[in-house]
Protein backbone atom coordinates (compact mmCIF):
# COMPACT_ATOMS: atom_id res chain seq x y z
CA MET A 1 0.00 0.00 0.00
CA LYS A 2 1.65 3.22 -1.20
CA TYR A 3 -0.84 5.49 0.62
CA LYS A 4 -0.81 6.41 4.29
CA LEU A 5 -3.45 7.89 6.58
CA GLY A 6 -3.44 11.65 6.12
CA ASP A 7 -2.23 11.61 2.49
CA PHE A 8 -3.96 14.13 0.19
CA VAL A 9 -5.24 12.45 -2.98
CA ARG A 10 -7.33 13.16 -6.07
CA PHE A 11 -9.65 10.75 -7.89
CA VAL A 12 -8.42 9.77 -11.35
CA ASP A 13 -11.85 9.51 -13.00
CA GLU A 14 -13.82 12.07 -10.98
CA ASN A 15 -13.50 15.68 -9.90
CA TYR A 16 -13.06 14.85 -6.22
CA GLU A 17 -10.18 15.08 -3.77
CA GLY A 18 -9.63 14.62 -0.07
CA TYR A 19 -7.55 12.98 2.62
CA VAL A 20 -6.97 9.28 3.18
CA THR A 21 -8.84 8.53 6.42
CA ARG A 22 -8.96 4.72 6.28
CA ILE A 23 -6.86 1.84 4.94
CA ILE A 24 -9.49 -0.83 4.21
CA ASP A 25 -7.16 -3.46 2.72
CA GLU A 26 -4.29 -3.70 0.24
CA GLN A 27 -6.52 -2.51 -2.63
CA MET A 28 -9.11 -0.24 -0.99
CA ILE A 29 -8.84 3.03 0.93
CA GLY A 30 -11.35 5.51 2.38
CA VAL A 31 -11.12 9.16 1.28
CA THR A 32 -12.87 12.03 3.11
CA GLY A 33 -13.44 15.34 1.33
CA ASN A 34 -14.77 18.74 2.41
CA ASP A 35 -18.27 17.27 2.81
CA ASP A 36 -16.99 15.11 5.70
CA PHE A 37 -18.24 11.93 4.00
CA GLU A 38 -15.82 9.02 3.63
CA ILE A 39 -15.85 7.36 0.20
CA PRO A 40 -14.34 3.87 -0.32
CA VAL A 41 -12.25 3.74 -3.50
CA LEU A 42 -9.68 1.49 -5.16
CA ALA A 43 -6.17 2.72 -4.43
CA SER A 44 -5.46 2.45 -8.16
CA LYS A 45 -8.21 5.03 -8.83
CA VAL A 46 -6.56 7.89 -6.92
CA THR A 47 -3.25 9.71 -7.13
CA HIS A 48 -1.18 11.87 -4.83
CA VAL A 49 -1.69 15.61 -5.32
CA HIS A 50 1.58 17.33 -6.22
CA GLY A 51 2.83 19.53 -3.39
CA HIS A 52 0.90 17.68 -0.68
CA ARG A 53 2.43 15.15 1.68
CA ALA A 54 1.33 13.28 4.77
CA GLU A 55 0.71 15.44 7.81
CA GLY A 56 3.86 14.34 9.60
CA GLU A 57 6.04 14.82 6.51
CA ALA A 58 4.49 18.14 5.55
CA ASN A 59 5.74 19.71 8.72
CA GLY A 60 9.09 17.98 8.63
CA ARG A 61 8.13 16.12 11.77
CA ALA A 62 9.26 12.60 10.91
CA GLU A 63 12.41 12.98 12.99
CA THR A 64 13.67 16.23 14.44
CA GLY A 65 16.02 17.43 17.12
CA ALA A 66 19.74 17.77 17.62
CA ASP A 67 21.77 14.56 17.37
CA ILE A 68 24.18 15.83 20.03
CA PRO A 69 22.64 17.32 23.17
CA ALA A 70 23.62 20.87 23.93
CA ALA A 71 26.13 21.56 26.67
CA GLY A 72 24.66 21.97 30.13
CA ALA A 73 22.63 19.84 32.49
CA PHE A 74 22.04 16.31 31.20
CA ILE A 75 18.28 15.56 31.20
CA GLU A 76 17.55 11.90 31.93
CA LYS A 77 13.75 11.81 32.21
CA GLY A 78 10.97 12.70 29.80
CA ILE A 79 10.14 10.03 27.17
CA TYR A 80 6.53 9.94 25.98
CA LEU A 81 4.13 8.54 23.43
CA GLY A 82 2.06 11.40 22.00
CA VAL A 83 -1.13 11.03 19.95
CA ALA A 84 -2.21 14.06 17.87
CA PRO A 85 -5.05 14.51 15.35
CA ASP A 86 -4.12 15.17 11.74
CA LYS A 87 -4.61 18.90 11.02
CA LYS A 88 -6.35 18.26 7.70
CA ALA A 89 -8.20 15.03 8.55
CA PRO A 90 -9.09 15.18 12.29
CA SER A 91 -10.60 11.67 12.27
CA VAL A 92 -7.03 10.37 11.78
CA VAL A 93 -4.53 10.45 14.63
CA HIS A 94 -0.74 10.10 14.43
CA PHE A 95 1.46 8.49 17.08
CA TYR A 96 4.81 10.06 18.01
CA ILE A 97 7.70 9.19 20.26
CA LEU A 98 8.48 12.45 22.08
CA ASN A 99 11.95 12.76 23.60
CA GLU A 100 12.60 15.57 26.09
CA THR A 101 15.80 13.94 27.37
CA SER A 102 19.44 14.37 26.38
CA TYR A 103 19.58 10.74 25.26
CA GLN A 104 19.33 9.54 21.69
CA LEU A 105 16.65 6.84 21.48
CA PHE A 106 16.68 3.62 19.48
CA ALA A 107 13.02 2.61 19.09
CA THR A 108 10.89 -0.12 17.52
CA LEU A 109 7.11 -0.52 17.31
CA THR A 110 5.53 -3.93 16.71
CA THR A 111 1.76 -4.47 16.56
CA GLN A 112 -0.13 -7.69 17.21
CA LYS A 113 -3.59 -8.54 15.89
CA ASP A 114 -5.17 -11.98 15.65
CA GLN A 115 -1.87 -13.54 16.78
CA THR A 116 -0.08 -11.86 13.85
CA LEU A 117 2.92 -9.62 14.55
CA LYS A 118 3.80 -6.70 12.27
CA GLY A 119 6.79 -4.39 12.43
CA GLU A 120 5.53 -0.81 12.12
CA TYR A 121 8.61 1.32 12.90
CA ALA A 122 12.32 1.05 13.62
CA GLY A 123 14.60 4.07 13.90
CA THR A 124 16.26 6.65 16.09
CA VAL A 125 14.84 9.69 17.85
CA ALA A 126 17.28 12.51 18.48
CA ALA A 127 17.71 14.24 21.82
CA LYS A 128 14.95 16.85 22.28
CA GLY A 129 13.32 15.39 19.14
CA GLN A 130 10.39 13.29 17.99
CA ALA A 131 9.41 10.68 15.38
CA GLN A 132 6.06 9.65 13.91
CA ILE A 133 5.64 5.89 14.27
CA TYR A 134 1.99 4.98 13.51
CA SER A 135 -1.38 6.33 12.34
CA GLY A 136 -4.95 5.19 12.93
CA GLN A 137 -8.66 6.08 12.84
CA LEU A 138 -9.66 7.35 16.29
CA ALA A 139 -13.22 6.07 15.84
CA ASP A 140 -11.80 2.54 15.36
CA VAL A 141 -9.82 2.55 18.62
CA GLN A 142 -11.47 -0.73 19.69
CA LEU A 143 -10.13 -2.33 16.50
CA TRP A 144 -6.55 -1.14 16.91
CA PRO A 145 -3.92 -3.83 17.41
CA GLN A 146 -1.87 -4.43 20.55
CA PHE A 147 1.12 -2.05 20.72
CA LEU A 148 4.57 -3.29 21.74
CA LEU A 149 6.99 -0.38 21.93
CA GLN A 150 10.67 -0.87 22.82
CA VAL A 151 12.98 2.07 23.50
CA LEU A 152 16.70 2.03 24.34
CA PRO A 153 18.25 5.37 25.43
CA TYR A 154 21.88 6.04 24.43
CA ALA A 155 24.38 8.85 25.07
CA SER A 156 27.93 9.31 23.74
CA ARG A 157 28.90 11.53 26.69
CA PRO A 158 29.23 10.20 30.28
CA ALA A 159 25.80 9.61 31.78
CA ALA A 160 23.96 7.18 34.00
CA MET A 161 23.30 3.77 32.45
CA PRO A 162 19.62 3.95 31.41
CA LYS A 163 17.21 1.03 31.42
CA ALA A 164 15.56 -0.19 28.24
CA ILE A 165 11.84 0.64 28.08
CA THR A 166 9.23 -1.94 27.07
CA TRP A 167 5.67 -0.64 26.78
CA ASN A 168 2.82 -3.03 25.95
CA GLU A 169 -0.65 -1.55 25.54
CA LYS A 170 -4.07 -2.27 24.03
CA PHE A 171 -5.80 1.10 23.73
CA LYS A 172 -9.43 1.63 24.72
CA ALA A 173 -11.82 4.51 24.06
CA LYS A 174 -11.53 5.69 27.67
CA ASP A 175 -7.80 6.35 27.10
CA PHE A 176 -8.87 9.31 24.93
CA ALA A 177 -11.73 10.57 27.10
CA ASP A 178 -9.65 13.24 28.85
CA PRO A 179 -9.27 16.70 27.26
CA LYS A 180 -6.31 17.15 24.93
CA LYS A 181 -3.22 18.96 26.24
CA THR A 182 -0.23 20.58 24.54
CA LEU A 183 2.28 17.82 23.76
CA PRO A 184 5.95 18.39 24.66
CA VAL A 185 8.41 18.77 21.76
CA LEU A 186 5.59 18.58 19.19
CA LYS A 187 3.76 21.64 20.59
CA GLU A 188 0.38 20.45 19.33
CA ALA A 189 -2.83 19.43 21.13
CA GLY A 190 -3.22 15.73 21.78
CA TRP A 191 -3.09 12.91 24.32
CA LEU A 192 0.08 12.04 26.25
CA PHE A 193 1.29 8.70 27.63
CA ARG A 194 4.51 8.56 29.65
CA LEU A 195 6.94 5.77 28.76
CA ASP A 196 9.66 6.33 31.38
CA GLU A 197 9.16 6.71 35.11
CA PRO A 198 9.36 10.31 36.40
CA GLU A 199 11.81 11.04 39.16
CA LEU A 200 10.26 10.41 42.56
CA VAL A 201 10.14 13.61 44.62
CA ILE A 202 8.66 13.24 48.10
CA ASP A 203 7.01 16.24 49.68
CA PRO A 204 6.82 15.56 53.45
CA GLN A 205 3.81 17.85 53.88
CA GLN A 206 1.86 16.19 51.05
CA LEU A 207 2.78 12.77 52.44
CA LYS A 208 1.43 13.79 55.83
CA GLU A 209 -1.79 15.16 54.34
CA SER A 210 -2.34 11.98 52.33
CA PHE A 211 -2.93 10.02 55.54
CA TYR A 212 -6.02 12.11 56.21
CA LYS A 213 -7.53 12.05 52.72
CA SER A 214 -9.91 9.45 51.37
CA PRO A 215 -8.82 7.81 48.10
CA VAL A 216 -10.14 9.39 44.90
CA GLU A 217 -12.76 7.28 43.24
CA LYS A 218 -12.03 6.02 39.77
CA VAL A 219 -14.01 7.84 37.09
CA GLU A 220 -15.88 5.49 34.77
CA VAL A 221 -18.15 6.00 31.76
CA THR A 222 -21.73 5.30 32.85
CA LYS A 223 -23.53 2.66 30.80
CA PRO A 224 -26.59 4.29 29.15
CA HIS A 225 -30.12 2.87 29.11
CA SER A 226 -31.27 1.14 25.93
CA GLU A 227 -33.81 3.97 25.47
CA VAL A 228 -32.71 7.60 25.95
CA ASP A 229 -35.44 10.25 26.19
CA LEU A 230 -34.23 13.58 24.76
CA HIS A 231 -37.35 15.59 25.62
CA ILE A 232 -36.04 18.74 27.32
CA GLU A 233 -38.28 18.31 30.39
CA LYS A 234 -36.43 15.03 31.05
CA LEU A 235 -33.04 16.74 30.87
CA ASP A 236 -33.57 20.02 32.74
CA SER A 237 -36.36 20.90 35.18
CA ASN A 238 -35.74 24.62 34.51
CA TYR A 239 -36.15 24.32 30.76
CA GLN A 240 -38.76 27.13 30.68
CA GLN A 241 -35.89 29.60 31.08
CA LEU A 242 -34.05 28.30 27.99
CA ASN A 243 -34.46 29.55 24.43
CA GLY A 244 -34.80 27.27 21.42
CA SER A 245 -31.10 27.24 20.57
CA GLU A 246 -30.08 26.39 24.15
CA ILE A 247 -32.61 23.57 24.29
CA LEU A 248 -31.36 22.06 21.02
CA ASN A 249 -27.71 22.28 22.15
CA MET A 250 -28.53 20.56 25.45
CA GLN A 251 -30.41 17.78 23.64
CA LEU A 252 -27.57 17.22 21.15
CA THR A 253 -24.98 17.20 23.94
CA TRP A 254 -26.90 14.53 25.83
CA PHE A 255 -27.40 12.56 22.61
CA LYS A 256 -23.66 12.58 21.84
CA LYS A 257 -22.74 11.63 25.41
CA SER A 258 -25.20 8.72 25.39
CA LEU A 259 -24.08 7.52 21.95
CA ASP A 260 -20.40 7.63 22.95
CA SER A 261 -21.19 5.72 26.15
CA ALA A 262 -23.08 3.08 24.17
CA ILE A 263 -20.06 2.67 21.86
CA VAL A 264 -17.64 2.41 24.79
CA HIS A 265 -19.80 -0.28 26.43
CA GLN A 266 -20.23 -2.02 23.04
CA LEU A 267 -24.04 -2.02 23.16
CA PRO A 268 -25.58 -3.61 20.04
CA GLU A 269 -28.29 -0.94 19.77
CA ILE A 270 -29.73 2.16 21.44
CA THR A 271 -32.96 4.11 20.86
CA PHE A 272 -33.24 7.90 21.08
CA ILE A 273 -36.68 9.38 21.79
CA HIS A 274 -36.74 12.83 20.18
CA GLY A 275 -40.45 13.39 19.51
CA ALA A 276 -42.03 14.42 16.22
CA GLY A 277 -42.26 18.20 16.69
CA ASN A 278 -40.82 20.30 13.87
CA GLY A 279 -38.27 17.62 12.94
CA ILE A 280 -35.17 19.75 13.66
CA LEU A 281 -33.80 17.52 16.43
CA ARG A 282 -34.52 14.36 14.40
CA HIS A 283 -32.70 15.87 11.39
CA GLU A 284 -29.64 16.81 13.48
CA LEU A 285 -29.49 13.34 15.05
CA HIS A 286 -29.70 11.62 11.67
CA LYS A 287 -27.01 13.91 10.23
CA GLN A 288 -24.57 13.02 13.01
CA LEU A 289 -25.44 9.32 12.92
CA GLY A 290 -24.77 9.25 9.18
CA LYS A 291 -21.19 10.45 9.75
CA ASN A 292 -20.34 8.16 12.69
CA PRO A 293 -18.23 5.17 11.53
CA LYS A 294 -19.34 3.09 14.54
CA VAL A 295 -22.99 3.25 13.47
CA LYS A 296 -24.07 0.27 11.37
CA THR A 297 -27.48 1.69 10.47
CA PHE A 298 -30.40 3.62 11.98
CA MET A 299 -34.14 3.67 11.41
CA ASP A 300 -37.46 4.85 12.86
CA ALA A 301 -38.14 2.92 16.06
CA ARG A 302 -41.33 0.90 16.60
CA LYS A 303 -44.10 3.13 15.34
CA GLU A 304 -46.72 1.36 17.48
CA LYS A 305 -44.76 2.48 20.57
CA PHE A 306 -43.13 5.78 19.57
CA GLY A 307 -45.01 6.89 16.45
CA TYR A 308 -42.44 8.83 14.38
CA GLY A 309 -40.78 10.26 17.47
CA ALA A 310 -37.84 7.90 18.01
CA THR A 311 -34.79 6.60 16.15
CA LYS A 312 -33.27 3.15 16.69
CA VAL A 313 -29.49 2.97 16.18
CA MET A 314 -27.65 -0.28 15.39
CA LEU A 315 -23.95 -0.19 16.38
CA LYS A 316 -21.03 -2.10 14.93
C-alpha cells in the first residue's frame, strides 16, 4: 500500500479530492473530502496531489532534534508517546515518540492482531526530538492492534546507564476521554502517555496530608439505558428559562454523550426518543449518525410504541 493515513489524494476519473482517512485493505482506501463523508475507492483510482504530503512529513516532523545534546545539564527523564489529530483530517490520529531527554533513542514498534505480529517502525529519535511511528482512525480505537513499543536510550557523553523501556498496551476509548493537552516537543494538542518513570520527589507535607484524605474514586463512563429520552423536560427541570437554541444544544450534547457511552460499552443498539415536533432535532441526530463510523445503520423505532418520534441505532 503506497498510501498512508493523512495523504492528500485526487480521484483519477472524478472531480473529487480529499484525505486518506482509512486503509481498508491492500486494494481499498477511504477518502474524506470537504463534505466530511468518507468514500471507499480502489487505491489504483486515486493519485497523490503534487505539493501535498502526509501530515507528519508536511511539517518535517518525521524525525527532528539535535543529534548531540547541547552543553549543560544532562536531562535523563521525559520520554513519551504522543497522539495528535491530523490537522487536515481530524478523524485520523498520528502516534509520536516524544523525547525531552538528552539521550538519543533507538526505538521499535511492533503491533499484534489476531496472533499476527507486524513491524511498524524502527529508527532513532534525536535528543529533544520526535518521530512519527503509527497512524490510525480514532473512531476505530477498539479495533486497533496491541502495541509493543521498545525504546533504548543512548548517550555518547558520560551519563547514567539507562534502562531499556518496554511498553505493551491495548488502547481503549476511555484512554482518549480526557481533554487534549499541549504535547511536549511537538507543541500540538493531543493525548500524552509517559513511557519512562518520572523522578520520585517526596514532599513531606503532602505525604502527611495523604494520611487524612480518602482515596479518589475512579471515574468510569456510565452505561446508558437502551432507550434515551431527549425531551427537554427530562433533561432540565428549569427548561422554561431556555431559548430554542439552548434547548437544542442541550439535547444534542446529551445525545452525543449517550451515543459515545453506548459505543464504549459495546451495546448492540440504542434508541433515542426525540419526539415528532418540527423535525429539527430528528434531522440533526440523523445527520450526526450518518457520519459516525461506529454506526451500522439507523431507522425509525417501533411506530406502534413511539409513532415517528424515536430513532433506533444499530452499532457495529
